[in-house]
Amino acid sequence: MPRQRARVDSNQPEFVAALRERGYSVCHLHQVGKGVPDLLVGIDGRNFLFELKDPDKPPSARKLTADEVSWHAEWQGQVATVTSAQEADVIIRNTHNRVDS
């Protein structure tokens, strides 16, 4: 059975551009499927996984899918659900401050 085409949130291009402008590396993972987060973001030798949700959609449409819930629960590393590049930037900066201290 062929895999359904991966959906991309409408805010993803703007989100990726904003992070790249801040100097982050960004790799698209949304095509992996099976609950894997949408983006891998890197800076200063550190990696961050982000599930991107569209803030313009109602809260019910921003919920994690069953596959995403399962993947997040089983993942032993960092992963976060965000709606903006600013939210991701805060998570990255806060993590940097904890690790670098």
N, C-alpha and C. Protein backbone atom coordinates (compact mmCIF):
# COMPACT_ATOMS: atom_id res chain seq x y z
N MET A 1 0.84 -1.17 0.00
CA MET A 1 0.00 0.00 0.00
C MET A 1 0.89 1.24 0.00
N PRO A 2 0.73 2.15 -0.98
CA PRO A 2 1.57 3.34 -1.02
C PRO A 2 1.29 4.27 0.16
N ARG A 3 2.35 4.91 0.63
CA ARG A 3 2.24 5.83 1.75
C ARG A 3 1.57 7.11 1.29
N GLN A 4 0.68 7.63 2.14
CA GLN A 4 0.00 8.88 1.85
C GLN A 4 1.01 10.02 1.84
N ARG A 5 0.86 10.98 0.95
CA ARG A 5 1.78 12.10 0.85
C ARG A 5 1.79 12.88 2.17
N ALA A 6 2.98 13.21 2.64
CA ALA A 6 3.13 13.93 3.90
C ALA A 6 2.56 15.34 3.76
N ARG A 7 1.80 15.74 4.78
CA ARG A 7 1.24 17.09 4.79
C ARG A 7 2.23 18.04 5.44
N VAL A 8 2.30 19.23 4.91
CA VAL A 8 3.17 20.27 5.45
C VAL A 8 2.28 21.40 5.96
N ASP A 9 2.52 21.83 7.20
CA ASP A 9 1.75 22.95 7.74
C ASP A 9 2.02 24.20 6.92
N SER A 10 1.02 25.04 6.75
CA SER A 10 1.15 26.22 5.90
C SER A 10 2.22 27.20 6.41
N ASN A 11 2.52 27.16 7.70
CA ASN A 11 3.51 28.08 8.25
C ASN A 11 4.94 27.53 8.18
N GLN A 12 5.13 26.32 7.65
CA GLN A 12 6.45 25.71 7.65
C GLN A 12 7.48 26.49 6.83
N PRO A 13 7.19 26.94 5.61
CA PRO A 13 8.21 27.69 4.87
C PRO A 13 8.69 28.95 5.60
N GLU A 14 7.76 29.70 6.18
CA GLU A 14 8.11 30.91 6.93
C GLU A 14 8.91 30.55 8.18
N PHE A 15 8.50 29.49 8.86
CA PHE A 15 9.16 29.00 10.06
C PHE A 15 10.62 28.63 9.75
N VAL A 16 10.82 27.86 8.69
CA VAL A 16 12.16 27.42 8.30
C VAL A 16 13.02 28.62 7.91
N ALA A 17 12.47 29.53 7.13
CA ALA A 17 13.22 30.72 6.71
C ALA A 17 13.65 31.55 7.92
N ALA A 18 12.76 31.72 8.89
CA ALA A 18 13.09 32.50 10.09
C ALA A 18 14.21 31.85 10.89
N LEU A 19 14.18 30.53 11.03
CA LEU A 19 15.26 29.85 11.77
C LEU A 19 16.58 29.94 11.01
N ARG A 20 16.53 29.78 9.71
CA ARG A 20 17.77 29.87 8.92
C ARG A 20 18.36 31.28 8.98
N GLU A 21 17.50 32.30 9.02
CA GLU A 21 17.98 33.68 9.17
C GLU A 21 18.69 33.88 10.50
N ARG A 22 18.30 33.11 11.51
CA ARG A 22 18.94 33.19 12.83
C ARG A 22 20.23 32.37 12.90
N GLY A 23 20.57 31.68 11.81
CA GLY A 23 21.81 30.92 11.76
C GLY A 23 21.68 29.44 12.05
N TYR A 24 20.45 28.92 12.17
CA TYR A 24 20.24 27.51 12.44
C TYR A 24 20.28 26.70 11.15
N SER A 25 20.72 25.46 11.24
CA SER A 25 20.57 24.50 10.14
C SER A 25 19.19 23.86 10.31
N VAL A 26 18.51 23.62 9.21
CA VAL A 26 17.17 23.03 9.29
C VAL A 26 17.06 21.91 8.26
N CYS A 27 16.60 20.74 8.71
CA CYS A 27 16.38 19.59 7.84
C CYS A 27 14.92 19.17 7.96
N HIS A 28 14.26 19.02 6.82
CA HIS A 28 12.86 18.60 6.81
C HIS A 28 12.77 17.10 7.06
N LEU A 29 11.94 16.71 8.02
CA LEU A 29 11.72 15.30 8.33
C LEU A 29 10.27 14.87 8.13
N HIS A 30 9.40 15.79 7.77
CA HIS A 30 7.96 15.47 7.70
C HIS A 30 7.66 14.31 6.76
N GLN A 31 8.52 14.06 5.78
CA GLN A 31 8.26 12.97 4.84
C GLN A 31 8.55 11.60 5.42
N VAL A 32 9.23 11.54 6.55
CA VAL A 32 9.51 10.26 7.19
C VAL A 32 8.21 9.62 7.65
N GLY A 33 7.33 10.42 8.22
CA GLY A 33 6.04 9.91 8.69
C GLY A 33 6.16 9.12 9.97
N LYS A 34 5.16 8.33 10.28
CA LYS A 34 5.11 7.46 11.46
C LYS A 34 5.32 8.23 12.77
N GLY A 35 4.92 9.50 12.79
CA GLY A 35 5.00 10.29 14.02
C GLY A 35 6.29 11.04 14.22
N VAL A 36 7.27 10.85 13.31
CA VAL A 36 8.55 11.57 13.43
C VAL A 36 8.27 13.06 13.28
N PRO A 37 8.90 13.90 14.12
CA PRO A 37 8.67 15.35 14.05
C PRO A 37 9.00 15.93 12.67
N ASP A 38 8.47 17.12 12.42
CA ASP A 38 8.60 17.76 11.12
C ASP A 38 10.00 18.24 10.79
N LEU A 39 10.72 18.74 11.80
CA LEU A 39 12.00 19.39 11.52
C LEU A 39 13.09 19.00 12.50
N LEU A 40 14.30 18.90 11.95
CA LEU A 40 15.52 18.73 12.74
C LEU A 40 16.27 20.05 12.61
N VAL A 41 16.56 20.68 13.74
CA VAL A 41 17.22 21.99 13.75
C VAL A 41 18.54 21.86 14.50
N GLY A 42 19.60 22.41 13.93
CA GLY A 42 20.90 22.32 14.56
C GLY A 42 21.57 23.66 14.74
N ILE A 43 22.34 23.79 15.82
CA ILE A 43 23.14 24.99 16.09
C ILE A 43 24.24 24.62 17.08
N ASP A 44 25.43 25.08 16.83
CA ASP A 44 26.56 24.89 17.74
C ASP A 44 26.75 23.44 18.19
N GLY A 45 26.59 22.50 17.27
CA GLY A 45 26.79 21.09 17.60
C GLY A 45 25.65 20.43 18.35
N ARG A 46 24.53 21.11 18.47
CA ARG A 46 23.36 20.55 19.17
C ARG A 46 22.21 20.41 18.18
N ASN A 47 21.37 19.40 18.43
CA ASN A 47 20.22 19.13 17.56
C ASN A 47 18.92 19.22 18.34
N PHE A 48 17.89 19.68 17.65
CA PHE A 48 16.57 19.85 18.25
C PHE A 48 15.52 19.33 17.29
N LEU A 49 14.54 18.61 17.81
CA LEU A 49 13.44 18.10 17.01
C LEU A 49 12.18 18.90 17.32
N PHE A 50 11.51 19.34 16.26
CA PHE A 50 10.30 20.13 16.44
C PHE A 50 9.15 19.59 15.60
N GLU A 51 8.03 19.41 16.25
CA GLU A 51 6.76 19.13 15.58
C GLU A 51 6.10 20.49 15.42
N LEU A 52 5.87 20.89 14.20
CA LEU A 52 5.31 22.20 13.91
C LEU A 52 3.80 22.11 13.72
N LYS A 53 3.08 22.97 14.40
CA LYS A 53 1.63 23.05 14.24
C LYS A 53 1.27 24.46 13.79
N ASP A 54 0.22 24.57 13.00
CA ASP A 54 -0.22 25.84 12.43
C ASP A 54 -1.07 26.61 13.44
N PRO A 55 -0.61 27.79 13.89
CA PRO A 55 -1.36 28.55 14.89
C PRO A 55 -2.68 29.11 14.36
N ASP A 56 -2.85 29.14 13.05
CA ASP A 56 -4.08 29.65 12.46
C ASP A 56 -5.22 28.63 12.47
N LYS A 57 -4.88 27.39 12.78
CA LYS A 57 -5.90 26.34 12.85
C LYS A 57 -6.49 26.29 14.26
N PRO A 58 -7.71 25.80 14.39
CA PRO A 58 -8.30 25.68 15.73
C PRO A 58 -7.51 24.67 16.57
N PRO A 59 -7.56 24.81 17.89
CA PRO A 59 -6.81 23.90 18.77
C PRO A 59 -7.04 22.42 18.46
N SER A 60 -8.25 22.06 18.09
CA SER A 60 -8.53 20.65 17.80
C SER A 60 -7.74 20.16 16.59
N ALA A 61 -7.43 21.05 15.65
CA ALA A 61 -6.67 20.68 14.46
C ALA A 61 -5.17 20.73 14.70
N ARG A 62 -4.76 21.24 15.87
CA ARG A 62 -3.34 21.32 16.21
C ARG A 62 -2.89 20.18 17.12
N LYS A 63 -3.81 19.30 17.46
CA LYS A 63 -3.46 18.18 18.33
C LYS A 63 -2.51 17.23 17.61
N LEU A 64 -1.67 16.57 18.40
CA LEU A 64 -0.78 15.56 17.83
C LEU A 64 -1.61 14.39 17.33
N THR A 65 -1.17 13.79 16.24
CA THR A 65 -1.83 12.58 15.74
C THR A 65 -1.48 11.43 16.68
N ALA A 66 -2.15 10.33 16.53
CA ALA A 66 -1.85 9.15 17.36
C ALA A 66 -0.40 8.70 17.16
N ASP A 67 0.08 8.72 15.91
CA ASP A 67 1.47 8.36 15.64
C ASP A 67 2.43 9.33 16.32
N GLU A 68 2.12 10.62 16.29
CA GLU A 68 2.98 11.63 16.93
C GLU A 68 3.01 11.45 18.44
N VAL A 69 1.86 11.22 19.04
CA VAL A 69 1.80 10.99 20.49
C VAL A 69 2.67 9.80 20.87
N SER A 70 2.54 8.73 20.12
CA SER A 70 3.30 7.52 20.39
C SER A 70 4.80 7.76 20.22
N TRP A 71 5.19 8.42 19.13
CA TRP A 71 6.60 8.68 18.87
C TRP A 71 7.19 9.56 19.97
N HIS A 72 6.50 10.64 20.32
CA HIS A 72 6.98 11.55 21.37
C HIS A 72 7.15 10.80 22.69
N ALA A 73 6.22 9.91 23.00
CA ALA A 73 6.27 9.17 24.27
C ALA A 73 7.45 8.21 24.32
N GLU A 74 7.81 7.64 23.19
CA GLU A 74 8.89 6.66 23.14
C GLU A 74 10.27 7.29 22.96
N TRP A 75 10.33 8.51 22.44
CA TRP A 75 11.60 9.16 22.17
C TRP A 75 12.27 9.56 23.48
N GLN A 76 13.55 9.23 23.62
CA GLN A 76 14.27 9.52 24.86
C GLN A 76 15.09 10.80 24.78
N GLY A 77 15.04 11.49 23.67
CA GLY A 77 15.75 12.75 23.52
C GLY A 77 14.78 13.92 23.52
N GLN A 78 15.30 15.07 23.15
CA GLN A 78 14.52 16.30 23.10
C GLN A 78 13.55 16.26 21.93
N VAL A 79 12.34 16.70 22.15
CA VAL A 79 11.35 16.93 21.10
C VAL A 79 10.34 17.93 21.66
N ALA A 80 9.89 18.84 20.83
CA ALA A 80 8.92 19.85 21.28
C ALA A 80 7.93 20.15 20.17
N THR A 81 6.73 20.50 20.57
CA THR A 81 5.70 20.94 19.63
C THR A 81 5.63 22.45 19.71
N VAL A 82 5.74 23.12 18.56
CA VAL A 82 5.76 24.58 18.52
C VAL A 82 4.86 25.09 17.40
N THR A 83 4.51 26.38 17.50
CA THR A 83 3.70 27.00 16.46
C THR A 83 4.43 28.15 15.77
N SER A 84 5.64 28.48 16.24
CA SER A 84 6.37 29.60 15.63
C SER A 84 7.87 29.41 15.80
N ALA A 85 8.61 30.12 14.94
CA ALA A 85 10.07 30.11 15.06
C ALA A 85 10.51 30.73 16.39
N GLN A 86 9.74 31.69 16.87
CA GLN A 86 10.06 32.32 18.16
C GLN A 86 9.98 31.30 19.30
N GLU A 87 8.97 30.45 19.28
CA GLU A 87 8.85 29.41 20.31
C GLU A 87 10.04 28.46 20.24
N ALA A 88 10.41 28.06 19.03
CA ALA A 88 11.56 27.17 18.87
C ALA A 88 12.84 27.83 19.35
N ASP A 89 13.01 29.10 19.02
CA ASP A 89 14.20 29.86 19.43
C ASP A 89 14.31 29.91 20.96
N VAL A 90 13.20 30.12 21.64
CA VAL A 90 13.20 30.15 23.11
C VAL A 90 13.63 28.79 23.67
N ILE A 91 13.10 27.72 23.12
CA ILE A 91 13.47 26.37 23.57
C ILE A 91 14.97 26.13 23.35
N ILE A 92 15.45 26.50 22.18
CA ILE A 92 16.87 26.31 21.88
C ILE A 92 17.74 27.14 22.82
N ARG A 93 17.40 28.39 23.00
CA ARG A 93 18.20 29.27 23.88
C ARG A 93 18.16 28.78 25.33
N ASN A 94 17.00 28.36 25.80
CA ASN A 94 16.90 27.86 27.18
C ASN A 94 17.72 26.60 27.36
N THR A 95 17.72 25.73 26.37
CA THR A 95 18.51 24.51 26.43
C THR A 95 20.00 24.85 26.42
N HIS A 96 20.41 25.79 25.58
CA HIS A 96 21.80 26.23 25.54
C HIS A 96 22.24 26.74 26.90
N ASN A 97 21.40 27.56 27.53
CA ASN A 97 21.74 28.14 28.84
C ASN A 97 21.92 27.06 29.90
N ARG A 98 21.07 26.03 29.88
CA ARG A 98 21.19 24.94 30.86
C ARG A 98 22.44 24.11 30.62
N VAL A 99 22.74 23.83 29.35
CA VAL A 99 23.87 22.98 29.01
C VAL A 99 25.19 23.72 29.20
N ASP A 100 25.22 24.99 28.83
CA ASP A 100 26.46 25.77 28.88
C ASP A 100 26.81 26.24 30.28
N SER A 101 25.89 26.19 31.22
CA SER A 101 26.14 26.69 32.56
C SER A 101 27.06 25.80 33.35
